[in-house]
N, C-alpha and C. Protein backbone atom coordinates (compact mmCIF):
# COMPACT_ATOMS: atom_id res chain seq x y z
N UNK A 1 3.44 5.95 7.67
CA UNK A 1 2.04 6.12 7.98
C UNK A 1 1.37 6.82 6.81
N UNK A 2 0.24 6.30 6.40
CA UNK A 2 -0.56 6.91 5.35
C UNK A 2 -1.90 7.32 5.93
N UNK A 3 -2.30 8.57 5.70
CA UNK A 3 -3.63 9.02 6.10
C UNK A 3 -4.60 8.59 5.01
N UNK A 4 -5.65 7.90 5.41
CA UNK A 4 -6.58 7.34 4.44
C UNK A 4 -7.98 7.89 4.66
N UNK A 5 -8.82 7.77 3.63
CA UNK A 5 -10.16 8.34 3.70
C UNK A 5 -11.25 7.32 4.01
N UNK A 6 -10.94 6.03 3.90
CA UNK A 6 -11.94 4.99 4.17
C UNK A 6 -11.20 3.73 4.62
N UNK A 7 -11.33 3.37 5.89
CA UNK A 7 -10.56 2.27 6.47
C UNK A 7 -10.87 0.94 5.78
N UNK A 8 -12.14 0.63 5.59
CA UNK A 8 -12.52 -0.65 4.99
C UNK A 8 -11.95 -0.77 3.58
N UNK A 9 -12.10 0.26 2.79
CA UNK A 9 -11.60 0.25 1.41
C UNK A 9 -10.09 0.06 1.38
N UNK A 10 -9.37 0.75 2.25
CA UNK A 10 -7.92 0.65 2.28
C UNK A 10 -7.45 -0.72 2.77
N UNK A 11 -8.08 -1.23 3.82
CA UNK A 11 -7.72 -2.58 4.30
C UNK A 11 -7.98 -3.61 3.19
N UNK A 12 -9.11 -3.49 2.52
CA UNK A 12 -9.41 -4.40 1.41
C UNK A 12 -8.33 -4.33 0.33
N UNK A 13 -7.89 -3.13 -0.02
CA UNK A 13 -6.86 -2.99 -1.04
C UNK A 13 -5.57 -3.68 -0.61
N UNK A 14 -5.07 -3.33 0.57
CA UNK A 14 -3.78 -3.86 1.00
C UNK A 14 -3.82 -5.36 1.30
N UNK A 15 -4.96 -5.90 1.69
CA UNK A 15 -5.04 -7.34 1.97
C UNK A 15 -5.50 -8.13 0.75
N UNK A 16 -6.60 -7.75 0.14
CA UNK A 16 -7.16 -8.54 -0.96
C UNK A 16 -6.48 -8.28 -2.30
N UNK A 17 -6.11 -7.04 -2.57
CA UNK A 17 -5.48 -6.71 -3.85
C UNK A 17 -3.97 -6.87 -3.78
N UNK A 18 -3.36 -6.43 -2.70
CA UNK A 18 -1.91 -6.42 -2.59
C UNK A 18 -1.36 -7.66 -1.89
N UNK A 19 -2.21 -8.40 -1.18
CA UNK A 19 -1.78 -9.64 -0.56
C UNK A 19 -1.12 -9.52 0.80
N UNK A 20 -1.27 -8.38 1.45
CA UNK A 20 -0.72 -8.21 2.79
C UNK A 20 -1.68 -8.80 3.82
N UNK A 21 -1.22 -8.85 5.06
CA UNK A 21 -2.04 -9.31 6.17
C UNK A 21 -2.43 -8.11 7.04
N UNK A 22 -3.65 -8.13 7.55
CA UNK A 22 -4.04 -7.15 8.55
C UNK A 22 -3.46 -7.64 9.86
N UNK A 23 -2.53 -6.88 10.44
CA UNK A 23 -1.79 -7.32 11.61
C UNK A 23 -2.49 -6.93 12.91
N UNK A 24 -3.03 -5.73 12.96
CA UNK A 24 -3.75 -5.29 14.16
C UNK A 24 -4.44 -3.96 13.86
N UNK A 25 -5.43 -3.64 14.67
CA UNK A 25 -6.12 -2.35 14.57
C UNK A 25 -6.24 -1.75 15.97
N UNK A 26 -6.35 -0.45 16.01
CA UNK A 26 -6.56 0.28 17.26
C UNK A 26 -7.53 1.40 16.97
N UNK A 27 -8.57 1.52 17.78
CA UNK A 27 -9.52 2.61 17.63
C UNK A 27 -9.37 3.54 18.83
N UNK A 28 -9.26 4.83 18.59
CA UNK A 28 -9.09 5.83 19.64
C UNK A 28 -10.23 6.85 19.52
N UNK A 29 -11.43 6.50 20.01
CA UNK A 29 -12.59 7.38 19.85
C UNK A 29 -12.40 8.76 20.48
N UNK A 30 -11.75 8.84 21.63
CA UNK A 30 -11.56 10.14 22.26
C UNK A 30 -10.66 11.05 21.43
N UNK A 31 -9.69 10.43 20.76
CA UNK A 31 -8.79 11.21 19.91
C UNK A 31 -9.29 11.28 18.46
N UNK A 32 -10.34 10.55 18.17
CA UNK A 32 -11.03 10.57 16.88
C UNK A 32 -10.19 10.05 15.72
N UNK A 33 -9.54 8.91 15.94
CA UNK A 33 -8.84 8.26 14.84
C UNK A 33 -8.81 6.74 15.05
N UNK A 34 -8.60 6.03 13.95
CA UNK A 34 -8.44 4.58 13.96
C UNK A 34 -7.18 4.23 13.20
N UNK A 35 -6.43 3.25 13.71
CA UNK A 35 -5.22 2.79 13.05
C UNK A 35 -5.38 1.34 12.61
N UNK A 36 -4.78 1.01 11.49
CA UNK A 36 -4.66 -0.38 11.06
C UNK A 36 -3.23 -0.56 10.57
N UNK A 37 -2.64 -1.70 10.93
CA UNK A 37 -1.29 -2.01 10.50
C UNK A 37 -1.34 -3.20 9.57
N UNK A 38 -0.74 -3.08 8.38
CA UNK A 38 -0.72 -4.15 7.39
C UNK A 38 0.74 -4.46 7.03
N UNK A 39 0.97 -5.69 6.63
CA UNK A 39 2.31 -6.11 6.22
C UNK A 39 2.28 -7.52 5.67
N UNK A 40 3.40 -7.93 5.10
CA UNK A 40 3.49 -9.27 4.52
C UNK A 40 3.78 -10.33 5.58
N UNK A 41 4.29 -9.92 6.74
CA UNK A 41 4.60 -10.86 7.80
C UNK A 41 3.38 -11.17 8.64
N UNK A 42 3.64 -11.69 9.82
CA UNK A 42 2.55 -12.05 10.73
C UNK A 42 2.57 -11.20 11.98
N UNK A 43 3.33 -10.14 11.97
CA UNK A 43 3.40 -9.25 13.12
C UNK A 43 4.81 -8.79 13.40
N UNK A 44 4.96 -7.92 14.36
CA UNK A 44 6.26 -7.34 14.71
C UNK A 44 7.33 -8.38 15.02
N UNK A 45 6.94 -9.50 15.60
CA UNK A 45 7.91 -10.48 16.08
C UNK A 45 8.83 -11.00 14.99
N UNK A 46 8.36 -11.03 13.75
CA UNK A 46 9.20 -11.59 12.70
C UNK A 46 10.05 -10.54 11.98
N UNK A 47 10.02 -9.29 12.44
CA UNK A 47 10.88 -8.25 11.89
C UNK A 47 10.48 -7.71 10.54
N UNK A 48 9.29 -8.00 10.08
CA UNK A 48 8.83 -7.50 8.79
C UNK A 48 8.39 -6.05 8.88
N UNK A 49 8.51 -5.35 7.78
CA UNK A 49 8.05 -3.97 7.73
C UNK A 49 6.53 -3.93 7.74
N UNK A 50 5.99 -2.83 8.23
CA UNK A 50 4.55 -2.64 8.29
C UNK A 50 4.20 -1.26 7.74
N UNK A 51 2.98 -1.13 7.24
CA UNK A 51 2.43 0.16 6.85
C UNK A 51 1.32 0.49 7.84
N UNK A 52 1.39 1.67 8.41
CA UNK A 52 0.36 2.15 9.33
C UNK A 52 -0.64 2.97 8.53
N UNK A 53 -1.90 2.56 8.56
CA UNK A 53 -2.99 3.29 7.92
C UNK A 53 -3.74 4.05 9.00
N UNK A 54 -3.93 5.34 8.81
CA UNK A 54 -4.59 6.18 9.81
C UNK A 54 -5.85 6.81 9.21
N UNK A 55 -6.98 6.52 9.84
CA UNK A 55 -8.23 7.17 9.46
C UNK A 55 -8.60 8.16 10.56
N UNK A 56 -8.68 9.44 10.22
CA UNK A 56 -9.14 10.48 11.14
C UNK A 56 -10.63 10.67 10.93
N UNK A 57 -11.40 10.50 11.99
CA UNK A 57 -12.85 10.56 11.90
C UNK A 57 -13.29 11.80 11.11
N UNK A 58 -14.19 11.56 10.15
CA UNK A 58 -14.82 12.64 9.42
C UNK A 58 -13.99 13.24 8.29
N UNK A 59 -12.78 12.75 8.06
CA UNK A 59 -11.94 13.30 6.99
C UNK A 59 -12.01 12.35 5.80
N UNK A 60 -12.52 12.85 4.66
CA UNK A 60 -12.67 11.96 3.51
C UNK A 60 -11.72 12.25 2.36
N UNK A 61 -10.80 13.20 2.54
CA UNK A 61 -9.77 13.43 1.52
C UNK A 61 -8.62 14.24 2.11
N UNK A 62 -7.47 14.06 1.52
CA UNK A 62 -6.26 14.78 1.92
C UNK A 62 -5.59 15.33 0.68
N UNK A 63 -4.84 16.39 0.86
CA UNK A 63 -4.04 16.91 -0.22
C UNK A 63 -2.67 16.27 -0.13
N UNK A 64 -2.21 15.67 -1.22
CA UNK A 64 -0.91 15.02 -1.22
C UNK A 64 0.19 16.09 -1.15
N UNK A 65 1.11 15.91 -0.24
CA UNK A 65 2.25 16.82 -0.13
C UNK A 65 3.25 16.58 -1.24
N UNK A 66 3.96 17.60 -1.63
CA UNK A 66 4.92 17.42 -2.72
C UNK A 66 6.24 16.80 -2.25
N UNK A 67 6.42 16.58 -0.95
CA UNK A 67 7.62 15.92 -0.45
C UNK A 67 7.47 14.40 -0.50
N UNK A 68 6.24 13.92 -0.50
CA UNK A 68 5.99 12.48 -0.56
C UNK A 68 6.23 11.97 -1.97
N UNK A 69 6.91 10.86 -2.08
CA UNK A 69 7.13 10.24 -3.39
C UNK A 69 6.29 9.00 -3.53
N UNK A 70 6.76 7.90 -2.94
CA UNK A 70 6.03 6.64 -3.02
C UNK A 70 6.62 5.64 -2.04
N UNK A 71 5.90 4.56 -1.82
CA UNK A 71 6.38 3.41 -1.05
C UNK A 71 7.01 2.48 -2.08
N UNK A 72 8.10 1.82 -1.71
CA UNK A 72 8.71 0.82 -2.59
C UNK A 72 8.71 -0.53 -1.88
N UNK A 73 8.26 -1.56 -2.61
CA UNK A 73 8.18 -2.90 -2.05
C UNK A 73 8.86 -3.87 -3.01
N UNK A 74 9.77 -4.70 -2.49
CA UNK A 74 10.42 -5.72 -3.30
C UNK A 74 9.48 -6.89 -3.52
N UNK A 75 9.45 -7.38 -4.76
CA UNK A 75 8.62 -8.54 -5.12
C UNK A 75 9.47 -9.50 -5.96
N UNK A 76 9.18 -10.79 -5.90
CA UNK A 76 9.97 -11.74 -6.69
C UNK A 76 9.74 -11.61 -8.20
N UNK A 77 8.54 -11.22 -8.61
CA UNK A 77 8.20 -11.14 -10.03
C UNK A 77 7.22 -9.97 -10.24
N UNK A 78 7.72 -8.86 -10.73
CA UNK A 78 6.89 -7.66 -10.91
C UNK A 78 5.80 -7.87 -11.95
N UNK A 79 6.09 -8.63 -12.99
CA UNK A 79 5.09 -8.90 -14.02
C UNK A 79 3.90 -9.68 -13.43
N UNK A 80 4.20 -10.73 -12.68
CA UNK A 80 3.14 -11.54 -12.05
C UNK A 80 2.39 -10.72 -11.00
N UNK A 81 3.11 -9.89 -10.26
CA UNK A 81 2.46 -9.05 -9.25
C UNK A 81 1.47 -8.10 -9.90
N UNK A 82 1.85 -7.49 -11.01
CA UNK A 82 0.94 -6.58 -11.72
C UNK A 82 -0.30 -7.31 -12.22
N UNK A 83 -0.11 -8.50 -12.77
CA UNK A 83 -1.26 -9.29 -13.24
C UNK A 83 -2.22 -9.59 -12.10
N UNK A 84 -1.66 -10.01 -10.96
CA UNK A 84 -2.49 -10.35 -9.80
C UNK A 84 -3.22 -9.12 -9.26
N UNK A 85 -2.51 -8.01 -9.17
CA UNK A 85 -3.12 -6.76 -8.67
C UNK A 85 -4.23 -6.28 -9.60
N UNK A 86 -3.97 -6.28 -10.90
CA UNK A 86 -4.99 -5.85 -11.87
C UNK A 86 -6.20 -6.79 -11.84
N UNK A 87 -5.96 -8.10 -11.73
CA UNK A 87 -7.07 -9.06 -11.70
C UNK A 87 -7.94 -8.88 -10.46
N UNK A 88 -7.33 -8.38 -9.38
CA UNK A 88 -8.08 -8.16 -8.14
C UNK A 88 -8.72 -6.77 -8.09
N UNK A 89 -8.61 -6.01 -9.18
CA UNK A 89 -9.24 -4.70 -9.24
C UNK A 89 -8.32 -3.54 -8.90
N UNK A 90 -7.03 -3.81 -8.72
CA UNK A 90 -6.07 -2.74 -8.42
C UNK A 90 -5.72 -1.93 -9.66
N UNK A 91 -5.13 -0.77 -9.43
CA UNK A 91 -4.81 0.17 -10.50
C UNK A 91 -3.31 0.17 -10.78
N UNK A 92 -2.89 -0.50 -11.86
CA UNK A 92 -1.49 -0.50 -12.29
C UNK A 92 -1.30 0.73 -13.18
N UNK A 93 -0.46 1.67 -12.75
CA UNK A 93 -0.28 2.91 -13.51
C UNK A 93 0.99 2.90 -14.35
N UNK A 94 1.89 1.96 -14.09
CA UNK A 94 3.07 1.77 -14.92
C UNK A 94 3.34 0.28 -14.94
N UNK A 95 3.15 -0.33 -16.10
CA UNK A 95 3.33 -1.78 -16.22
C UNK A 95 4.76 -2.17 -15.91
N UNK A 96 4.95 -3.42 -15.52
CA UNK A 96 6.28 -3.92 -15.21
C UNK A 96 7.18 -3.84 -16.44
N UNK A 97 8.41 -3.42 -16.19
CA UNK A 97 9.41 -3.33 -17.25
C UNK A 97 10.65 -2.68 -16.70
N UNK A 98 11.71 -2.63 -17.51
CA UNK A 98 12.97 -2.07 -17.05
C UNK A 98 12.86 -0.58 -16.72
N UNK A 99 13.57 -0.19 -15.67
CA UNK A 99 13.64 1.22 -15.30
C UNK A 99 14.41 1.96 -16.40
N UNK A 100 14.06 3.20 -16.66
CA UNK A 100 14.75 3.98 -17.69
C UNK A 100 16.25 4.03 -17.40
N UNK A 101 17.04 3.67 -18.39
CA UNK A 101 18.49 3.72 -18.25
C UNK A 101 19.10 2.56 -17.50
N UNK A 102 18.31 1.53 -17.20
CA UNK A 102 18.83 0.40 -16.43
C UNK A 102 18.12 -0.88 -16.77
N UNK A 103 18.38 -1.91 -15.98
CA UNK A 103 17.72 -3.19 -16.25
C UNK A 103 16.92 -3.72 -15.07
N UNK A 104 16.82 -2.94 -13.99
CA UNK A 104 15.97 -3.33 -12.87
C UNK A 104 14.51 -3.25 -13.32
N UNK A 105 13.75 -4.30 -13.03
CA UNK A 105 12.33 -4.34 -13.42
C UNK A 105 11.51 -3.70 -12.30
N UNK A 106 10.72 -2.71 -12.69
CA UNK A 106 9.85 -2.01 -11.73
C UNK A 106 8.45 -1.88 -12.31
N UNK A 107 7.51 -1.51 -11.46
CA UNK A 107 6.14 -1.20 -11.85
C UNK A 107 5.59 -0.25 -10.79
N UNK A 108 4.49 0.41 -11.10
CA UNK A 108 3.83 1.28 -10.13
C UNK A 108 2.34 0.98 -10.10
N UNK A 109 1.78 0.99 -8.90
CA UNK A 109 0.34 0.88 -8.70
C UNK A 109 -0.07 2.01 -7.75
N UNK A 110 -1.36 2.27 -7.69
CA UNK A 110 -1.86 3.24 -6.72
C UNK A 110 -2.86 2.56 -5.80
N UNK A 111 -2.91 3.03 -4.56
CA UNK A 111 -3.90 2.52 -3.62
C UNK A 111 -5.17 3.34 -3.77
N UNK A 112 -6.25 3.04 -3.04
CA UNK A 112 -7.52 3.75 -3.21
C UNK A 112 -7.46 5.25 -2.94
N UNK A 113 -6.47 5.70 -2.16
CA UNK A 113 -6.34 7.12 -1.89
C UNK A 113 -5.36 7.81 -2.83
N UNK A 114 -4.82 7.09 -3.80
CA UNK A 114 -3.92 7.67 -4.78
C UNK A 114 -2.45 7.60 -4.42
N UNK A 115 -2.10 6.94 -3.31
CA UNK A 115 -0.69 6.78 -2.96
C UNK A 115 -0.02 5.84 -3.95
N UNK A 116 1.17 6.21 -4.42
CA UNK A 116 1.90 5.38 -5.36
C UNK A 116 2.73 4.34 -4.62
N UNK A 117 2.74 3.13 -5.18
CA UNK A 117 3.53 2.04 -4.62
C UNK A 117 4.37 1.47 -5.78
N UNK A 118 5.68 1.53 -5.59
CA UNK A 118 6.59 0.96 -6.60
C UNK A 118 6.86 -0.50 -6.26
N UNK A 119 6.78 -1.34 -7.26
CA UNK A 119 7.16 -2.75 -7.13
C UNK A 119 8.53 -2.90 -7.76
N UNK A 120 9.48 -3.42 -7.00
CA UNK A 120 10.84 -3.61 -7.51
C UNK A 120 11.12 -5.10 -7.52
N UNK A 121 11.39 -5.62 -8.71
CA UNK A 121 11.65 -7.06 -8.82
C UNK A 121 13.01 -7.38 -8.21
N UNK A 122 13.02 -8.37 -7.33
CA UNK A 122 14.27 -8.79 -6.65
C UNK A 122 14.70 -10.16 -7.10
């Protein structure tokens, strides 16, 4: 689960820039939060992983904890993924290339709230 500062902006990033699907949303006005679930699949039934985005009413920023590192997502081609993300307005902070001391191809991007997402070429 990621706490986000703007639901529309985050959904746009994960769907339009990252290519995920918006799977479902839930609004809880009495509890003052909204949830959105995004993923590459079409919902829970196919066993795909999902990211839960949580917007707490009236909160426009969070302090990143030092225990959080990043989300890692496997992609078939990290170079092509970076090109597509950058072309869609995403922020590539580490271009695709071999990991230090190895030959696995990785890259890093950030979402609109500054969360790091590692792309690992599979």
